[in-house]
Structures are given as structure tokens and as C-alpha cells.
Amino acid sequence: MIAWYIEEYVYELENIEERLEELEPKQRIELLIKLMPYVFPKLETISHTTNEPLQWEFE
């Protein structure tokens, strides 16, 4: 049963371009906007206060 769900999921991912073409342009854009947080990294606010040393090291 679980294998069937995995196969269906993989099938949908492989055919996502065709599925997107079936949508109206407005629906396509709305879906892409909803998927963006899963694709692009989340930004964090960075602030600097007076007399605070700047650290340019990346962790």
C-alpha cells in the first residue's frame, strides 16, 4: 500500500510540467507562489548596533 503511494507521488513529480500546463495561468502562478517557500531559502533579518564588531565569518 505504501509503495503505491510512493509510485503515485513519483509519477506526479515526473509529470509536473504537464500538470502545470493544464492549469489556467492564474492558477499556475498561485501554485508556484505557494511552492516557492519549499524551493528558495528563507531569509533572516540581520541588524547591526553601534560599536558592535562586524563578523564576516560564515558558519
Protein backbone atom coordinates (compact mmCIF):
# COMPACT_ATOMS: atom_id res chain seq x y z
CA MET A 1 0.00 0.00 0.00
CA ILE A 2 2.77 2.48 0.90
CA ALA A 3 4.68 1.53 -2.26
CA TRP A 4 1.65 2.52 -4.35
CA TYR A 5 1.57 5.99 -2.75
CA ILE A 6 5.28 6.45 -3.38
CA GLU A 7 4.88 5.40 -7.01
CA GLU A 8 1.99 7.84 -7.48
CA TYR A 9 3.99 10.64 -5.86
CA VAL A 10 7.00 10.00 -8.10
CA TYR A 11 4.73 9.81 -11.16
CA GLU A 12 3.19 13.18 -10.31
CA LEU A 13 6.62 14.76 -9.82
CA GLU A 14 7.85 13.39 -13.13
CA ASN A 15 4.80 14.84 -14.91
CA ILE A 16 4.56 18.12 -13.04
CA GLU A 17 5.29 20.18 -16.15
CA GLU A 18 2.35 18.62 -17.99
CA ARG A 19 0.12 19.12 -14.95
CA LEU A 20 1.10 22.79 -14.73
CA GLU A 21 0.25 23.30 -18.40
CA GLU A 22 -3.28 22.02 -17.69
CA LEU A 23 -3.89 24.88 -15.25
CA GLU A 24 -5.11 28.34 -16.12
CA PRO A 25 -2.32 30.96 -15.99
CA LYS A 26 -3.68 32.47 -12.76
CA GLN A 27 -3.85 29.06 -11.09
CA ARG A 28 -0.33 28.21 -12.29
CA ILE A 29 1.12 31.38 -10.76
CA GLU A 30 -0.75 30.85 -7.49
CA LEU A 31 0.59 27.32 -7.23
CA LEU A 32 4.15 28.40 -7.98
CA ILE A 33 3.92 31.12 -5.33
CA LYS A 34 2.75 28.54 -2.79
CA LEU A 35 5.65 26.23 -3.69
CA MET A 36 8.34 28.92 -3.53
CA PRO A 37 9.00 28.61 0.23
CA TYR A 38 9.93 24.97 -0.30
CA VAL A 39 12.41 25.81 -3.06
CA PHE A 40 14.10 29.04 -2.01
CA PRO A 41 15.99 29.55 1.27
CA LYS A 42 14.31 31.61 3.96
CA LEU A 43 15.85 34.99 4.63
CA GLU A 44 16.74 36.15 8.10
CA THR A 45 16.90 39.76 9.22
CA ILE A 46 20.38 40.94 10.12
CA SER A 47 20.94 44.05 12.18
CA HIS A 48 23.99 45.89 13.43
CA THR A 49 24.22 48.05 16.53
CA THR A 50 26.70 50.81 17.28
CA ASN A 51 30.13 49.65 18.50
CA GLU A 52 29.33 46.05 17.70
CA PRO A 53 32.17 44.37 15.82
CA LEU A 54 31.36 43.17 12.35
CA GLN A 55 31.79 39.46 11.82
CA TRP A 56 32.12 38.29 8.24
CA GLU A 57 32.60 34.62 9.03
CA PHE A 58 30.20 32.15 7.51
CA GLU A 59 29.25 29.12 9.55
